[in-house]
Amino acid sequence: MNNSWNKVIYKAWAPIYDTIFNAGSFSKAREKLFKDIHFQPGEKVLFVGVGTGADIDRLPYEQLEITAIDYSEDMLQKAKDKYRNSRITFLQMDAQQLDFTDGAFDYVVGSLILSVVPDNRKAFGEMVRVCRKDGLVLIFDKFAEPGKGLSIAKKAIRHVIKLLGTDIGVSFEEICQAKKENIRLISDEGVMFGNMYRRILLKKLSKT
């Protein structure tokens, strides 16, 4: 996967994305994203890879200062259209190189982005960087099961799936390895298809 191909494939996905990835099991999984998170009015939230804005309705967005970025202009336009009368700031931006200062946000949310970007370690590092100390990073994505390799079937179709704009073989444990001293795991739970799709909540440590 690379950014040029992602622009092409997500231009194709944009018109039908919500029909698949914000319906059925995906919708039920997204409903669990912000459970037990108590947002306070005026807090700053960054959506990294906001896509069509599928997660925004799941939190009290009118009370928050929300910034939403995506590399795909077509996906981003879908989100803009949904929330055209809101105060949300939408920006076309690469998740691997966020144009924000260190510690700019109270919460950083990444849904189905680490399995998409060419360099997920860099993107995750950027998410941690722009989160304030003691702030929260929330991940919803599909990851390879820890300690287990891909099945023969998944290995066979992995490269085909990549052509559709995502990777089914990403290890979150490997992604976060370089930042393990900067973050503390709060929770990690399977929310769809067993443990394939996980909701991971992390806290940025104040000592970093």
C-alpha atoms as a PDB file:
ATOM      1  CA  MET A   1       0.000   0.000   0.000  1.00  0.00           C
ATOM      2  CA  ASN A   2       1.094   3.581  -0.639  1.00  0.00           C
ATOM      3  CA  ASN A   3      -0.502   6.989  -0.463  1.00  0.00           C
ATOM      4  CA  SER A   4      -1.044   7.286  -4.210  1.00  0.00           C
ATOM      5  CA  TRP A   5      -2.913   3.985  -4.376  1.00  0.00           C
ATOM      6  CA  ASN A   6      -4.877   4.811  -1.228  1.00  0.00           C
ATOM      7  CA  LYS A   7      -6.158   7.983  -2.880  1.00  0.00           C
ATOM      8  CA  VAL A   8      -7.378   5.962  -5.833  1.00  0.00           C
ATOM      9  CA  ILE A   9      -8.980   3.127  -3.891  1.00  0.00           C
ATOM     10  CA  TYR A  10     -10.682   5.359  -1.311  1.00  0.00           C
ATOM     11  CA  LYS A  11     -12.099   7.526  -4.059  1.00  0.00           C
ATOM     12  CA  ALA A  12     -13.851   4.347  -5.161  1.00  0.00           C
ATOM     13  CA  TRP A  13     -14.825   3.405  -1.596  1.00  0.00           C
ATOM     14  CA  ALA A  14     -16.211   6.821  -0.624  1.00  0.00           C
ATOM     15  CA  PRO A  15     -19.722   6.505  -2.173  1.00  0.00           C
ATOM     16  CA  ILE A  16     -20.403   3.097  -0.587  1.00  0.00           C
ATOM     17  CA  TYR A  17     -18.213   3.160   2.533  1.00  0.00           C
ATOM     18  CA  ASP A  18     -20.983   3.789   5.068  1.00  0.00           C
ATOM     19  CA  THR A  19     -23.169   1.090   3.543  1.00  0.00           C
ATOM     20  CA  ILE A  20     -20.558  -1.483   4.535  1.00  0.00           C
ATOM     21  CA  PHE A  21     -18.404  -0.043   7.313  1.00  0.00           C
ATOM     22  CA  ASN A  22     -21.031   1.868   9.262  1.00  0.00           C
ATOM     23  CA  ALA A  23     -23.757  -0.762   9.214  1.00  0.00           C
ATOM     24  CA  GLY A  24     -24.463  -4.131  10.801  1.00  0.00           C
ATOM     25  CA  SER A  25     -21.563  -5.500  12.854  1.00  0.00           C
ATOM     26  CA  PHE A  26     -19.417  -2.450  12.132  1.00  0.00           C
ATOM     27  CA  SER A  27     -22.062  -0.094  13.479  1.00  0.00           C
ATOM     28  CA  LYS A  28     -22.435  -2.189  16.639  1.00  0.00           C
ATOM     29  CA  ALA A  29     -18.669  -2.211  17.130  1.00  0.00           C
ATOM     30  CA  ARG A  30     -18.436   1.553  16.659  1.00  0.00           C
ATOM     31  CA  GLU A  31     -21.127   2.043  19.304  1.00  0.00           C
ATOM     32  CA  LYS A  32     -18.655   0.631  21.847  1.00  0.00           C
ATOM     33  CA  LEU A  33     -15.818   2.995  20.994  1.00  0.00           C
ATOM     34  CA  PHE A  34     -16.448   5.755  23.502  1.00  0.00           C
ATOM     35  CA  LYS A  35     -17.920   3.727  26.341  1.00  0.00           C
ATOM     36  CA  ASP A  36     -16.649   4.757  29.783  1.00  0.00           C
ATOM     37  CA  ILE A  37     -15.011   7.874  28.332  1.00  0.00           C
ATOM     38  CA  HIS A  38     -16.365  10.982  30.023  1.00  0.00           C
ATOM     39  CA  PHE A  39     -15.802  13.922  27.726  1.00  0.00           C
ATOM     40  CA  GLN A  40     -15.847  17.407  29.199  1.00  0.00           C
ATOM     41  CA  PRO A  41     -17.159  20.418  27.253  1.00  0.00           C
ATOM     42  CA  GLY A  42     -14.424  22.182  25.319  1.00  0.00           C
ATOM     43  CA  GLU A  43     -11.980  19.265  25.255  1.00  0.00           C
ATOM     44  CA  LYS A  44      -9.948  18.853  22.084  1.00  0.00           C
ATOM     45  CA  VAL A  45     -10.419  15.678  20.038  1.00  0.00           C
ATOM     46  CA  LEU A  46      -8.496  14.658  16.923  1.00  0.00           C
ATOM     47  CA  PHE A  47      -9.878  12.045  14.518  1.00  0.00           C
ATOM     48  CA  VAL A  48      -6.984  10.598  12.507  1.00  0.00           C
ATOM     49  CA  GLY A  49      -8.290   9.083   9.297  1.00  0.00           C
ATOM     50  CA  VAL A  50     -11.829  10.258   9.949  1.00  0.00           C
ATOM     51  CA  GLY A  51     -13.049   8.779   6.661  1.00  0.00           C
ATOM     52  CA  THR A  52     -16.723   9.557   6.143  1.00  0.00           C
ATOM     53  CA  GLY A  53     -17.123  10.635   9.770  1.00  0.00           C
ATOM     54  CA  ALA A  54     -18.714   7.360  10.876  1.00  0.00           C
ATOM     55  CA  ASP A  55     -17.577   7.732  14.494  1.00  0.00           C
ATOM     56  CA  ILE A  56     -18.384  11.379  15.105  1.00  0.00           C
ATOM     57  CA  ASP A  57     -22.040  10.786  15.963  1.00  0.00           C
ATOM     58  CA  ARG A  58     -20.948   8.441  18.737  1.00  0.00           C
ATOM     59  CA  LEU A  59     -19.623  11.228  20.956  1.00  0.00           C
ATOM     60  CA  PRO A  60     -21.056  14.621  22.037  1.00  0.00           C
ATOM     61  CA  TYR A  61     -19.386  16.446  19.164  1.00  0.00           C
ATOM     62  CA  GLU A  62     -21.334  19.677  19.592  1.00  0.00           C
ATOM     63  CA  GLN A  63     -19.765  20.162  23.027  1.00  0.00           C
ATOM     64  CA  LEU A  64     -16.204  19.426  21.940  1.00  0.00           C
ATOM     65  CA  GLU A  65     -13.483  21.083  19.877  1.00  0.00           C
ATOM     66  CA  ILE A  66     -13.033  18.502  17.133  1.00  0.00           C
ATOM     67  CA  THR A  67     -10.455  18.352  14.370  1.00  0.00           C
ATOM     68  CA  ALA A  68     -10.803  15.610  11.755  1.00  0.00           C
ATOM     69  CA  ILE A  69      -8.169  14.712   9.175  1.00  0.00           C
ATOM     70  CA  ASP A  70      -8.007  12.292   6.270  1.00  0.00           C
ATOM     71  CA  TYR A  71      -5.657  11.786   3.337  1.00  0.00           C
ATOM     72  CA  SER A  72      -8.506  10.974   0.949  1.00  0.00           C
ATOM     73  CA  GLU A  73     -10.226  14.157  -0.194  1.00  0.00           C
ATOM     74  CA  ASP A  74     -13.237  12.132  -1.341  1.00  0.00           C
ATOM     75  CA  MET A  75     -13.726  10.460   2.039  1.00  0.00           C
ATOM     76  CA  LEU A  76     -13.166  13.759   3.802  1.00  0.00           C
ATOM     77  CA  GLN A  77     -15.786  15.455   1.646  1.00  0.00           C
ATOM     78  CA  LYS A  78     -18.333  12.858   2.741  1.00  0.00           C
ATOM     79  CA  ALA A  79     -17.633  13.761   6.360  1.00  0.00           C
ATOM     80  CA  LYS A  80     -17.822  17.481   5.602  1.00  0.00           C
ATOM     81  CA  ASP A  81     -21.207  16.996   3.934  1.00  0.00           C
ATOM     82  CA  LYS A  82     -22.568  15.167   6.982  1.00  0.00           C
ATOM     83  CA  TYR A  83     -21.467  17.856   9.425  1.00  0.00           C
ATOM     84  CA  ARG A  84     -21.602  20.968   7.287  1.00  0.00           C
ATOM     85  CA  ASN A  85     -23.394  22.957  10.002  1.00  0.00           C
ATOM     86  CA  SER A  86     -21.058  21.918  12.810  1.00  0.00           C
ATOM     87  CA  ARG A  87     -17.966  23.590  14.271  1.00  0.00           C
ATOM     88  CA  ILE A  88     -15.763  20.634  13.335  1.00  0.00           C
ATOM     89  CA  THR A  89     -12.515  21.490  11.551  1.00  0.00           C
ATOM     90  CA  PHE A  90     -11.855  19.182   8.593  1.00  0.00           C
ATOM     91  CA  LEU A  91      -8.352  19.048   7.089  1.00  0.00           C
ATOM     92  CA  GLN A  92      -6.772  17.032   4.297  1.00  0.00           C
ATOM     93  CA  MET A  93      -3.629  15.624   5.915  1.00  0.00           C
ATOM     94  CA  ASP A  94      -1.331  12.606   6.020  1.00  0.00           C
ATOM     95  CA  ALA A  95      -1.618  10.585   9.246  1.00  0.00           C
ATOM     96  CA  GLN A  96       2.096   9.832   8.970  1.00  0.00           C
ATOM     97  CA  GLN A  97       2.967  13.521   9.260  1.00  0.00           C
ATOM     98  CA  LEU A  98       0.482  15.431  11.387  1.00  0.00           C
ATOM     99  CA  ASP A  99       0.769  19.196  11.163  1.00  0.00           C
ATOM    100  CA  PHE A 100       0.031  19.824  14.844  1.00  0.00           C
ATOM    101  CA  THR A 101       2.186  20.756  17.808  1.00  0.00           C
ATOM    102  CA  ASP A 102       3.137  18.227  20.479  1.00  0.00           C
ATOM    103  CA  GLY A 103       0.383  17.590  23.018  1.00  0.00           C
ATOM    104  CA  ALA A 104      -2.257  19.588  21.123  1.00  0.00           C
ATOM    105  CA  PHE A 105      -5.202  17.244  21.856  1.00  0.00           C
ATOM    106  CA  ASP A 106      -6.886  15.701  24.888  1.00  0.00           C
ATOM    107  CA  TYR A 107      -8.017  12.684  22.850  1.00  0.00           C
ATOM    108  CA  VAL A 108      -6.698  11.159  19.639  1.00  0.00           C
ATOM    109  CA  VAL A 109      -8.958   8.675  17.840  1.00  0.00           C
ATOM    110  CA  GLY A 110      -7.846   6.346  15.049  1.00  0.00           C
ATOM    111  CA  SER A 111     -10.479   4.075  13.490  1.00  0.00           C
ATOM    112  CA  LEU A 112      -9.435   1.653  10.755  1.00  0.00           C
ATOM    113  CA  ILE A 113      -6.370   3.745   9.950  1.00  0.00           C
ATOM    114  CA  LEU A 114      -3.345   1.793  11.213  1.00  0.00           C
ATOM    115  CA  SER A 115      -4.243  -1.078   8.879  1.00  0.00           C
ATOM    116  CA  VAL A 116      -4.375   1.349   5.945  1.00  0.00           C
ATOM    117  CA  VAL A 117      -1.419   3.750   6.107  1.00  0.00           C
ATOM    118  CA  PRO A 118       1.871   2.731   4.441  1.00  0.00           C
ATOM    119  CA  ASP A 119       3.887   3.272   7.656  1.00  0.00           C
ATOM    120  CA  ASN A 120       1.644   2.469  10.617  1.00  0.00           C
ATOM    121  CA  ARG A 121       4.430   2.829  13.189  1.00  0.00           C
ATOM    122  CA  LYS A 122       5.053   6.374  12.045  1.00  0.00           C
ATOM    123  CA  ALA A 123       1.336   7.165  12.091  1.00  0.00           C
ATOM    124  CA  PHE A 124       0.945   5.730  15.584  1.00  0.00           C
ATOM    125  CA  GLY A 125       3.973   7.690  16.755  1.00  0.00           C
ATOM    126  CA  GLU A 126       2.371  10.863  15.428  1.00  0.00           C
ATOM    127  CA  MET A 127      -0.881  10.062  17.234  1.00  0.00           C
ATOM    128  CA  VAL A 128       0.987   9.686  20.518  1.00  0.00           C
ATOM    129  CA  ARG A 129       3.025  12.832  19.893  1.00  0.00           C
ATOM    130  CA  VAL A 130       0.046  15.136  19.397  1.00  0.00           C
ATOM    131  CA  CYS A 131      -1.815  13.713  22.400  1.00  0.00           C
ATOM    132  CA  ARG A 132      -1.257  15.694  25.589  1.00  0.00           C
ATOM    133  CA  LYS A 133       0.378  14.118  28.606  1.00  0.00           C
ATOM    134  CA  ASP A 134      -2.218  12.074  30.539  1.00  0.00           C
ATOM    135  CA  GLY A 135      -4.451  12.260  27.451  1.00  0.00           C
ATOM    136  CA  LEU A 136      -6.049   9.228  25.779  1.00  0.00           C
ATOM    137  CA  VAL A 137      -5.396   7.510  22.454  1.00  0.00           C
ATOM    138  CA  LEU A 138      -8.249   5.338  21.194  1.00  0.00           C
ATOM    139  CA  ILE A 139      -7.745   2.749  18.451  1.00  0.00           C
ATOM    140  CA  PHE A 140     -10.364   0.704  16.588  1.00  0.00           C
ATOM    141  CA  ASP A 141      -8.894  -1.565  13.957  1.00  0.00           C
ATOM    142  CA  LYS A 142      -8.251  -5.114  12.804  1.00  0.00           C
ATOM    143  CA  PHE A 143      -5.031  -6.702  13.959  1.00  0.00           C
ATOM    144  CA  ALA A 144      -3.323 -10.060  13.799  1.00  0.00           C
ATOM    145  CA  GLU A 145      -3.891 -12.053  16.991  1.00  0.00           C
ATOM    146  CA  PRO A 146      -0.923 -11.634  19.378  1.00  0.00           C
ATOM    147  CA  GLY A 147       1.436 -14.576  19.442  1.00  0.00           C
ATOM    148  CA  LYS A 148      -0.112 -16.241  16.409  1.00  0.00           C
ATOM    149  CA  GLY A 149       0.819 -16.134  12.760  1.00  0.00           C
ATOM    150  CA  LEU A 150      -1.690 -15.659   9.983  1.00  0.00           C
ATOM    151  CA  SER A 151      -3.619 -18.703   8.869  1.00  0.00           C
ATOM    152  CA  ILE A 152      -2.800 -20.187   5.480  1.00  0.00           C
ATOM    153  CA  ALA A 153      -6.054 -18.775   4.108  1.00  0.00           C
ATOM    154  CA  LYS A 154      -5.297 -15.254   5.337  1.00  0.00           C
ATOM    155  CA  LYS A 155      -1.758 -15.423   4.003  1.00  0.00           C
ATOM    156  CA  ALA A 156      -3.168 -16.413   0.620  1.00  0.00           C
ATOM    157  CA  ILE A 157      -5.521 -13.442   0.399  1.00  0.00           C
ATOM    158  CA  ARG A 158      -3.468 -10.817   2.248  1.00  0.00           C
ATOM    159  CA  HIS A 159      -1.979  -9.251  -0.882  1.00  0.00           C
ATOM    160  CA  VAL A 160      -5.361  -9.204  -2.596  1.00  0.00           C
ATOM    161  CA  ILE A 161      -6.907  -7.457   0.406  1.00  0.00           C
ATOM    162  CA  LYS A 162      -4.129  -4.884   0.332  1.00  0.00           C
ATOM    163  CA  LEU A 163      -5.248  -3.909  -3.161  1.00  0.00           C
ATOM    164  CA  LEU A 164      -8.590  -2.985  -1.597  1.00  0.00           C
ATOM    165  CA  GLY A 165      -6.834  -0.520   0.699  1.00  0.00           C
ATOM    166  CA  THR A 166      -6.230  -2.396   3.942  1.00  0.00           C
ATOM    167  CA  ASP A 167      -3.977  -5.022   5.539  1.00  0.00           C
ATOM    168  CA  ILE A 168      -5.237  -7.989   7.555  1.00  0.00           C
ATOM    169  CA  GLY A 169      -1.791  -8.907   8.886  1.00  0.00           C
ATOM    170  CA  VAL A 170      -0.872  -5.864  10.985  1.00  0.00           C
ATOM    171  CA  SER A 171       0.410  -6.479  14.528  1.00  0.00           C
ATOM    172  CA  PHE A 172      -0.516  -3.765  16.997  1.00  0.00           C
ATOM    173  CA  GLU A 173       2.082  -5.074  19.414  1.00  0.00           C
ATOM    174  CA  GLU A 174       4.796  -4.411  16.831  1.00  0.00           C
ATOM    175  CA  ILE A 175       3.368  -0.995  15.957  1.00  0.00           C
ATOM    176  CA  CYS A 176       3.453   0.283  19.530  1.00  0.00           C
ATOM    177  CA  GLN A 177       6.798  -1.283  20.482  1.00  0.00           C
ATOM    178  CA  ALA A 178       8.797   1.907  19.926  1.00  0.00           C
ATOM    179  CA  LYS A 179       6.347   3.928  22.042  1.00  0.00           C
ATOM    180  CA  LYS A 180       5.791   1.443  24.871  1.00  0.00           C
ATOM    181  CA  GLU A 181       7.597   3.650  27.394  1.00  0.00           C
ATOM    182  CA  ASN A 182       5.406   6.626  26.450  1.00  0.00           C
ATOM    183  CA  ILE A 183       2.031   4.948  26.864  1.00  0.00           C
ATOM    184  CA  ARG A 184       0.087   2.750  29.244  1.00  0.00           C
ATOM    185  CA  LEU A 185      -2.528   0.261  28.091  1.00  0.00           C
ATOM    186  CA  ILE A 186      -5.909   0.935  29.700  1.00  0.00           C
ATOM    187  CA  SER A 187      -7.967  -1.675  27.863  1.00  0.00           C
ATOM    188  CA  ASP A 188      -7.764  -3.990  24.864  1.00  0.00           C
ATOM    189  CA  GLU A 189     -10.853  -5.925  23.836  1.00  0.00           C
ATOM    190  CA  GLY A 190     -12.237  -7.689  20.816  1.00  0.00           C
ATOM    191  CA  VAL A 191     -15.352  -5.930  19.534  1.00  0.00           C
ATOM    192  CA  MET A 192     -16.066  -7.736  16.258  1.00  0.00           C
ATOM    193  CA  PHE A 193     -15.319 -11.097  14.637  1.00  0.00           C
ATOM    194  CA  GLY A 194     -13.887 -12.404  17.885  1.00  0.00           C
ATOM    195  CA  ASN A 195     -10.617 -10.638  18.558  1.00  0.00           C
ATOM    196  CA  MET A 196      -9.921  -9.656  14.972  1.00  0.00           C
ATOM    197  CA  TYR A 197     -11.280  -6.132  15.420  1.00  0.00           C
ATOM    198  CA  ARG A 198     -10.115  -4.574  18.674  1.00  0.00           C
ATOM    199  CA  ARG A 199     -10.864  -1.488  20.730  1.00  0.00           C
ATOM    200  CA  ILE A 200      -7.624  -0.358  22.337  1.00  0.00           C
ATOM    201  CA  LEU A 201      -7.459   2.502  24.828  1.00  0.00           C
ATOM    202  CA  LEU A 202      -4.096   3.943  25.844  1.00  0.00           C
ATOM    203  CA  LYS A 203      -2.986   6.724  28.146  1.00  0.00           C
ATOM    204  CA  LYS A 204      -0.005   8.921  27.334  1.00  0.00           C
ATOM    205  CA  LEU A 205       2.273   8.962  30.337  1.00  0.00           C
ATOM    206  CA  SER A 206       2.894  12.296  32.022  1.00  0.00           C
ATOM    207  CA  LYS A 207       6.594  11.581  32.532  1.00  0.00           C
ATOM    208  CA  THR A 208       7.349  11.576  28.800  1.00  0.00           C
END
